[in-house]
PDB file of all heavy atoms in Angstrom:
ATOM      1  N   LEU A   1       0.822  -1.184  -0.009  1.00  0.00           N
ATOM      2  CA  LEU A   1       0.012   0.019   0.049  1.00  0.00           C
ATOM      3  C   LEU A   1       0.871   1.227   0.002  1.00  0.00           C
ATOM      4  O   LEU A   1       1.989   1.261   0.641  1.00  0.00           O
ATOM      5  CB  LEU A   1      -0.888   0.027   1.231  1.00  0.00           C
ATOM      6  CG  LEU A   1      -1.836  -1.212   1.390  1.00  0.00           C
ATOM      7  CD1 LEU A   1      -2.677  -0.971   2.715  1.00  0.00           C
ATOM      8  CD2 LEU A   1      -2.651  -1.426   0.233  1.00  0.00           C
ATOM      9  N   SER A   2       0.408   2.234  -0.672  1.00  0.00           N
ATOM     10  CA  SER A   2       1.122   3.567  -0.657  1.00  0.00           C
ATOM     11  C   SER A   2       0.110   4.623  -0.341  1.00  0.00           C
ATOM     12  O   SER A   2      -1.037   4.556  -0.690  1.00  0.00           O
ATOM     13  CB  SER A   2       1.703   3.776  -2.066  1.00  0.00           C
ATOM     14  OG  SER A   2       2.791   2.889  -2.368  1.00  0.00           O
ATOM     15  N   CYS A   3       0.662   5.669   0.225  1.00  0.00           N
ATOM     16  CA  CYS A   3      -0.148   6.861   0.572  1.00  0.00           C
ATOM     17  C   CYS A   3       0.635   8.102   0.173  1.00  0.00           C
ATOM     18  O   CYS A   3       1.769   8.350   0.527  1.00  0.00           O
ATOM     19  CB  CYS A   3      -0.387   6.906   2.134  1.00  0.00           C
ATOM     20  SG  CYS A   3      -1.418   8.255   2.625  1.00  0.00           S
ATOM     21  N   VAL A   4      -0.028   8.891  -0.715  1.00  0.00           N
ATOM     22  CA  VAL A   4       0.596  10.099  -1.325  1.00  0.00           C
ATOM     23  C   VAL A   4      -0.229  11.277  -0.973  1.00  0.00           C
ATOM     24  O   VAL A   4      -1.407  11.421  -1.418  1.00  0.00           O
ATOM     25  CB  VAL A   4       0.764   9.901  -2.778  1.00  0.00           C
ATOM     26  CG1 VAL A   4       1.432  11.116  -3.437  1.00  0.00           C
ATOM     27  CG2 VAL A   4       1.603   8.668  -3.094  1.00  0.00           C
ATOM     28  N   PRO A   5       0.351  12.281  -0.361  1.00  0.00           N
ATOM     29  CA  PRO A   5      -0.431  13.535  -0.094  1.00  0.00           C
ATOM     30  C   PRO A   5      -0.598  14.347  -1.319  1.00  0.00           C
ATOM     31  O   PRO A   5       0.310  14.242  -2.291  1.00  0.00           O
ATOM     32  CB  PRO A   5       0.473  14.273   0.871  1.00  0.00           C
ATOM     33  CG  PRO A   5       1.447  13.251   1.484  1.00  0.00           C
ATOM     34  CD  PRO A   5       1.619  12.278   0.400  1.00  0.00           C
ATOM     35  N   SER A   6      -1.694  15.055  -1.494  1.00  0.00           N
ATOM     36  CA  SER A   6      -1.921  15.880  -2.701  1.00  0.00           C
ATOM     37  C   SER A   6      -0.995  17.071  -2.839  1.00  0.00           C
ATOM     38  O   SER A   6      -0.908  17.612  -3.837  1.00  0.00           O
ATOM     39  CB  SER A   6      -3.404  16.266  -2.758  1.00  0.00           C
ATOM     40  OG  SER A   6      -3.743  17.065  -1.667  1.00  0.00           O
ATOM     41  N   GLU A   7      -0.459  17.491  -1.661  1.00  0.00           N
ATOM     42  CA  GLU A   7       0.458  18.603  -1.657  1.00  0.00           C
ATOM     43  C   GLU A   7       1.404  18.406  -0.422  1.00  0.00           C
ATOM     44  O   GLU A   7       1.132  17.568   0.355  1.00  0.00           O
ATOM     45  CB  GLU A   7      -0.265  19.912  -1.635  1.00  0.00           C
ATOM     46  CG  GLU A   7      -1.189  20.147  -0.430  1.00  0.00           C
ATOM     47  CD  GLU A   7      -2.008  21.393  -0.628  1.00  0.00           C
ATOM     48  OE1 GLU A   7      -2.976  21.358  -1.443  1.00  0.00           O
ATOM     49  OE2 GLU A   7      -1.716  22.387   0.077  1.00  0.00           O
ATOM     50  N   THR A   8       2.379  19.228  -0.361  1.00  0.00           N
ATOM     51  CA  THR A   8       3.371  19.047   0.715  1.00  0.00           C
ATOM     52  C   THR A   8       2.760  19.374   2.066  1.00  0.00           C
ATOM     53  O   THR A   8       2.016  20.336   2.273  1.00  0.00           O
ATOM     54  CB  THR A   8       4.512  20.117   0.478  1.00  0.00           C
ATOM     55  OG1 THR A   8       5.174  19.867  -0.740  1.00  0.00           O
ATOM     56  CG2 THR A   8       5.538  20.041   1.600  1.00  0.00           C
ATOM     57  N   ILE A   9       3.002  18.428   2.989  1.00  0.00           N
ATOM     58  CA  ILE A   9       2.641  18.638   4.346  1.00  0.00           C
ATOM     59  C   ILE A   9       3.764  18.963   5.218  1.00  0.00           C
ATOM     60  O   ILE A   9       4.725  18.211   5.211  1.00  0.00           O
ATOM     61  CB  ILE A   9       1.972  17.315   4.911  1.00  0.00           C
ATOM     62  CG1 ILE A   9       0.696  16.912   3.984  1.00  0.00           C
ATOM     63  CG2 ILE A   9       1.478  17.455   6.307  1.00  0.00           C
ATOM     64  CD1 ILE A   9       0.083  15.648   4.425  1.00  0.00           C
ATOM     65  N   ARG A  10       3.702  20.002   5.993  1.00  0.00           N
ATOM     66  CA  ARG A  10       4.820  20.436   6.807  1.00  0.00           C
ATOM     67  C   ARG A  10       4.651  19.855   8.251  1.00  0.00           C
ATOM     68  O   ARG A  10       3.510  19.617   8.697  1.00  0.00           O
ATOM     69  CB  ARG A  10       4.902  21.886   6.789  1.00  0.00           C
ATOM     70  CG  ARG A  10       5.039  22.580   5.406  1.00  0.00           C
ATOM     71  CD  ARG A  10       5.339  24.073   5.502  1.00  0.00           C
ATOM     72  NE  ARG A  10       5.378  24.638   4.119  1.00  0.00           N
ATOM     73  CZ  ARG A  10       6.398  24.628   3.350  1.00  0.00           C
ATOM     74  NH1 ARG A  10       7.512  24.071   3.766  1.00  0.00           N
ATOM     75  NH2 ARG A  10       6.345  25.160   2.197  1.00  0.00           N
ATOM     76  N   ASN A  11       5.788  19.842   8.931  1.00  0.00           N
ATOM     77  CA  ASN A  11       5.827  19.468  10.406  1.00  0.00           C
ATOM     78  C   ASN A  11       5.128  18.114  10.651  1.00  0.00           C
ATOM     79  O   ASN A  11       4.310  18.074  11.620  1.00  0.00           O
ATOM     80  CB  ASN A  11       5.146  20.623  11.201  1.00  0.00           C
ATOM     81  CG  ASN A  11       5.865  21.946  10.997  1.00  0.00           C
ATOM     82  OD1 ASN A  11       7.046  22.023  10.955  1.00  0.00           O
ATOM     83  ND2 ASN A  11       5.129  22.966  10.869  1.00  0.00           N
ATOM     84  N   ILE A  12       5.405  17.134   9.946  1.00  0.00           N
ATOM     85  CA  ILE A  12       4.841  15.835  10.104  1.00  0.00           C
ATOM     86  C   ILE A  12       5.505  15.223  11.356  1.00  0.00           C
ATOM     87  O   ILE A  12       6.657  15.169  11.480  1.00  0.00           O
ATOM     88  CB  ILE A  12       5.091  14.905   8.916  1.00  0.00           C
ATOM     89  CG1 ILE A  12       4.311  15.447   7.715  1.00  0.00           C
ATOM     90  CG2 ILE A  12       4.573  13.446   9.295  1.00  0.00           C
ATOM     91  CD1 ILE A  12       4.615  14.661   6.386  1.00  0.00           C
ATOM     92  N   ARG A  13       4.584  14.728  12.252  1.00  0.00           N
ATOM     93  CA  ARG A  13       5.132  14.045  13.451  1.00  0.00           C
ATOM     94  C   ARG A  13       5.171  12.594  13.182  1.00  0.00           C
ATOM     95  O   ARG A  13       6.147  11.829  13.568  1.00  0.00           O
ATOM     96  CB  ARG A  13       4.185  14.276  14.660  1.00  0.00           C
ATOM     97  CG  ARG A  13       4.180  15.680  15.145  1.00  0.00           C
ATOM     98  CD  ARG A  13       3.269  15.831  16.297  1.00  0.00           C
ATOM     99  NE  ARG A  13       3.707  14.954  17.439  1.00  0.00           N
ATOM    100  CZ  ARG A  13       2.870  14.759  18.541  1.00  0.00           C
ATOM    101  NH1 ARG A  13       1.755  15.355  18.631  1.00  0.00           N
ATOM    102  NH2 ARG A  13       3.312  13.948  19.471  1.00  0.00           N
ATOM    103  N   ALA A  14       4.214  12.061  12.500  1.00  0.00           N
ATOM    104  CA  ALA A  14       4.118  10.550  12.285  1.00  0.00           C
ATOM    105  C   ALA A  14       3.149  10.306  11.129  1.00  0.00           C
ATOM    106  O   ALA A  14       2.242  11.002  10.819  1.00  0.00           O
ATOM    107  CB  ALA A  14       3.698   9.806  13.513  1.00  0.00           C
ATOM    108  N   MET A  15       3.437   9.155  10.423  1.00  0.00           N
ATOM    109  CA  MET A  15       2.640   8.651   9.388  1.00  0.00           C
ATOM    110  C   MET A  15       2.251   7.243   9.816  1.00  0.00           C
ATOM    111  O   MET A  15       3.070   6.479  10.338  1.00  0.00           O
ATOM    112  CB  MET A  15       3.367   8.632   8.098  1.00  0.00           C
ATOM    113  CG  MET A  15       3.756  10.095   7.579  1.00  0.00           C
ATOM    114  SD  MET A  15       4.751  10.032   6.069  1.00  0.00           S
ATOM    115  CE  MET A  15       6.323  10.004   6.828  1.00  0.00           C
ATOM    116  N   GLY A  16       1.019   6.899   9.518  1.00  0.00           N
ATOM    117  CA  GLY A  16       0.614   5.518   9.951  1.00  0.00           C
ATOM    118  C   GLY A  16      -0.549   4.903   9.062  1.00  0.00           C
ATOM    119  O   GLY A  16      -1.004   5.487   8.144  1.00  0.00           O
ATOM    120  N   TRP A  17      -0.843   3.710   9.446  1.00  0.00           N
ATOM    121  CA  TRP A  17      -1.888   2.991   8.760  1.00  0.00           C
ATOM    122  C   TRP A  17      -2.835   2.313   9.854  1.00  0.00           C
ATOM    123  O   TRP A  17      -2.388   1.868  10.884  1.00  0.00           O
ATOM    124  CB  TRP A  17      -1.321   1.856   7.939  1.00  0.00           C
ATOM    125  CG  TRP A  17      -0.570   2.348   6.735  1.00  0.00           C
ATOM    126  CD1 TRP A  17       0.737   2.662   6.645  1.00  0.00           C
ATOM    127  CD2 TRP A  17      -1.130   2.616   5.452  1.00  0.00           C
ATOM    128  NE1 TRP A  17       1.099   3.070   5.406  1.00  0.00           N
ATOM    129  CE2 TRP A  17      -0.075   3.048   4.681  1.00  0.00           C
ATOM    130  CE3 TRP A  17      -2.360   2.521   4.858  1.00  0.00           C
ATOM    131  CZ2 TRP A  17      -0.255   3.389   3.281  1.00  0.00           C
ATOM    132  CZ3 TRP A  17      -2.557   2.878   3.539  1.00  0.00           C
ATOM    133  CH2 TRP A  17      -1.461   3.310   2.799  1.00  0.00           C
ATOM    134  N   PHE A  18      -4.085   2.453   9.560  1.00  0.00           N
ATOM    135  CA  PHE A  18      -5.161   1.834  10.375  1.00  0.00           C
ATOM    136  C   PHE A  18      -5.990   0.986   9.508  1.00  0.00           C
ATOM    137  O   PHE A  18      -5.906   1.080   8.199  1.00  0.00           O
ATOM    138  CB  PHE A  18      -6.015   2.925  10.987  1.00  0.00           C
ATOM    139  CG  PHE A  18      -5.327   3.716  12.093  1.00  0.00           C
ATOM    140  CD1 PHE A  18      -4.341   4.605  11.783  1.00  0.00           C
ATOM    141  CD2 PHE A  18      -5.677   3.618  13.406  1.00  0.00           C
ATOM    142  CE1 PHE A  18      -3.660   5.334  12.768  1.00  0.00           C
ATOM    143  CE2 PHE A  18      -5.036   4.310  14.425  1.00  0.00           C
ATOM    144  CZ  PHE A  18      -4.060   5.206  14.132  1.00  0.00           C
ATOM    145  N   ARG A  19      -6.836   0.167  10.044  1.00  0.00           N
ATOM    146  CA  ARG A  19      -7.741  -0.634   9.262  1.00  0.00           C
ATOM    147  C   ARG A  19      -9.053  -0.782   9.948  1.00  0.00           C
ATOM    148  O   ARG A  19      -9.129  -0.731  11.188  1.00  0.00           O
ATOM    149  CB  ARG A  19      -7.124  -1.993   8.874  1.00  0.00           C
ATOM    150  CG  ARG A  19      -7.025  -2.942  10.031  1.00  0.00           C
ATOM    151  CD  ARG A  19      -6.284  -4.230   9.645  1.00  0.00           C
ATOM    152  NE  ARG A  19      -6.284  -5.296  10.580  1.00  0.00           N
ATOM    153  CZ  ARG A  19      -5.659  -6.422  10.517  1.00  0.00           C
ATOM    154  NH1 ARG A  19      -4.951  -6.713   9.495  1.00  0.00           N
ATOM    155  NH2 ARG A  19      -5.745  -7.346  11.479  1.00  0.00           N
ATOM    156  N   GLN A  20     -10.055  -1.088   9.181  1.00  0.00           N
ATOM    157  CA  GLN A  20     -11.338  -1.346   9.694  1.00  0.00           C
ATOM    158  C   GLN A  20     -12.062  -2.511   8.927  1.00  0.00           C
ATOM    159  O   GLN A  20     -12.296  -2.410   7.748  1.00  0.00           O
ATOM    160  CB  GLN A  20     -12.249  -0.097   9.636  1.00  0.00           C
ATOM    161  CG  GLN A  20     -13.583  -0.279  10.328  1.00  0.00           C
ATOM    162  CD  GLN A  20     -14.328   1.107  10.522  1.00  0.00           C
ATOM    163  OE1 GLN A  20     -13.994   2.079   9.870  1.00  0.00           O
ATOM    164  NE2 GLN A  20     -15.255   1.108  11.425  1.00  0.00           N
ATOM    165  N   ALA A  21     -12.280  -3.587   9.668  1.00  0.00           N
ATOM    166  CA  ALA A  21     -13.025  -4.696   9.074  1.00  0.00           C
ATOM    167  C   ALA A  21     -14.473  -4.560   9.221  1.00  0.00           C
ATOM    168  O   ALA A  21     -14.951  -3.838  10.153  1.00  0.00           O
ATOM    169  CB  ALA A  21     -12.483  -5.999   9.726  1.00  0.00           C
ATOM    170  N   PRO A  22     -15.266  -5.249   8.435  1.00  0.00           N
ATOM    171  CA  PRO A  22     -16.727  -5.102   8.547  1.00  0.00           C
ATOM    172  C   PRO A  22     -17.174  -5.514   9.996  1.00  0.00           C
ATOM    173  O   PRO A  22     -16.805  -6.522  10.484  1.00  0.00           O
ATOM    174  CB  PRO A  22     -17.228  -6.136   7.518  1.00  0.00           C
ATOM    175  CG  PRO A  22     -16.148  -6.315   6.524  1.00  0.00           C
ATOM    176  CD  PRO A  22     -14.866  -6.109   7.302  1.00  0.00           C
ATOM    177  N   GLY A  23     -18.019  -4.627  10.591  1.00  0.00           N
ATOM    178  CA  GLY A  23     -18.616  -4.877  11.832  1.00  0.00           C
ATOM    179  C   GLY A  23     -17.601  -4.641  12.987  1.00  0.00           C
ATOM    180  O   GLY A  23     -17.957  -4.894  14.145  1.00  0.00           O
ATOM    181  N   LYS A  24     -16.431  -4.097  12.733  1.00  0.00           N
ATOM    182  CA  LYS A  24     -15.418  -3.883  13.743  1.00  0.00           C
ATOM    183  C   LYS A  24     -15.047  -2.462  13.756  1.00  0.00           C
ATOM    184  O   LYS A  24     -15.253  -1.702  12.840  1.00  0.00           O
ATOM    185  CB  LYS A  24     -14.231  -4.776  13.523  1.00  0.00           C
ATOM    186  CG  LYS A  24     -14.442  -6.283  13.719  1.00  0.00           C
ATOM    187  CD  LYS A  24     -13.170  -7.060  13.614  1.00  0.00           C
ATOM    188  CE  LYS A  24     -13.462  -8.543  13.827  1.00  0.00           C
ATOM    189  NZ  LYS A  24     -12.215  -9.294  13.800  1.00  0.00           N
ATOM    190  N   GLU A  25     -14.439  -2.009  14.924  1.00  0.00           N
ATOM    191  CA  GLU A  25     -13.933  -0.660  15.010  1.00  0.00           C
ATOM    192  C   GLU A  25     -12.615  -0.495  14.293  1.00  0.00           C
ATOM    193  O   GLU A  25     -11.854  -1.472  14.005  1.00  0.00           O
ATOM    194  CB  GLU A  25     -13.692  -0.262  16.447  1.00  0.00           C
ATOM    195  CG  GLU A  25     -15.088  -0.154  17.224  1.00  0.00           C
ATOM    196  CD  GLU A  25     -14.849   0.389  18.610  1.00  0.00           C
ATOM    197  OE1 GLU A  25     -13.736   0.593  19.008  1.00  0.00           O
ATOM    198  OE2 GLU A  25     -15.878   0.584  19.257  1.00  0.00           O
ATOM    199  N   ARG A  26     -12.330   0.770  13.900  1.00  0.00           N
ATOM    200  CA  ARG A  26     -11.014   0.957  13.237  1.00  0.00           C
ATOM    201  C   ARG A  26      -9.852   0.706  14.231  1.00  0.00           C
ATOM    202  O   ARG A  26      -9.984   1.075  15.379  1.00  0.00           O
ATOM    203  CB  ARG A  26     -11.003   2.392  12.764  1.00  0.00           C
ATOM    204  CG  ARG A  26      -9.747   2.747  11.878  1.00  0.00           C
ATOM    205  CD  ARG A  26      -9.836   4.171  11.303  1.00  0.00           C
ATOM    206  NE  ARG A  26     -10.996   4.341  10.473  1.00  0.00           N
ATOM    207  CZ  ARG A  26     -11.167   5.418   9.766  1.00  0.00           C
ATOM    208  NH1 ARG A  26     -10.349   6.487   9.784  1.00  0.00           N
ATOM    209  NH2 ARG A  26     -12.265   5.598   9.082  1.00  0.00           N
TER     210      ARG A  26
END
């Protein structure tokens, strides 16, 4: 998986991934 911002984001502290399965919380 890849995640690309549409424009430059400044002062990033962290980048991450979450997921949500059907019927479950993220």
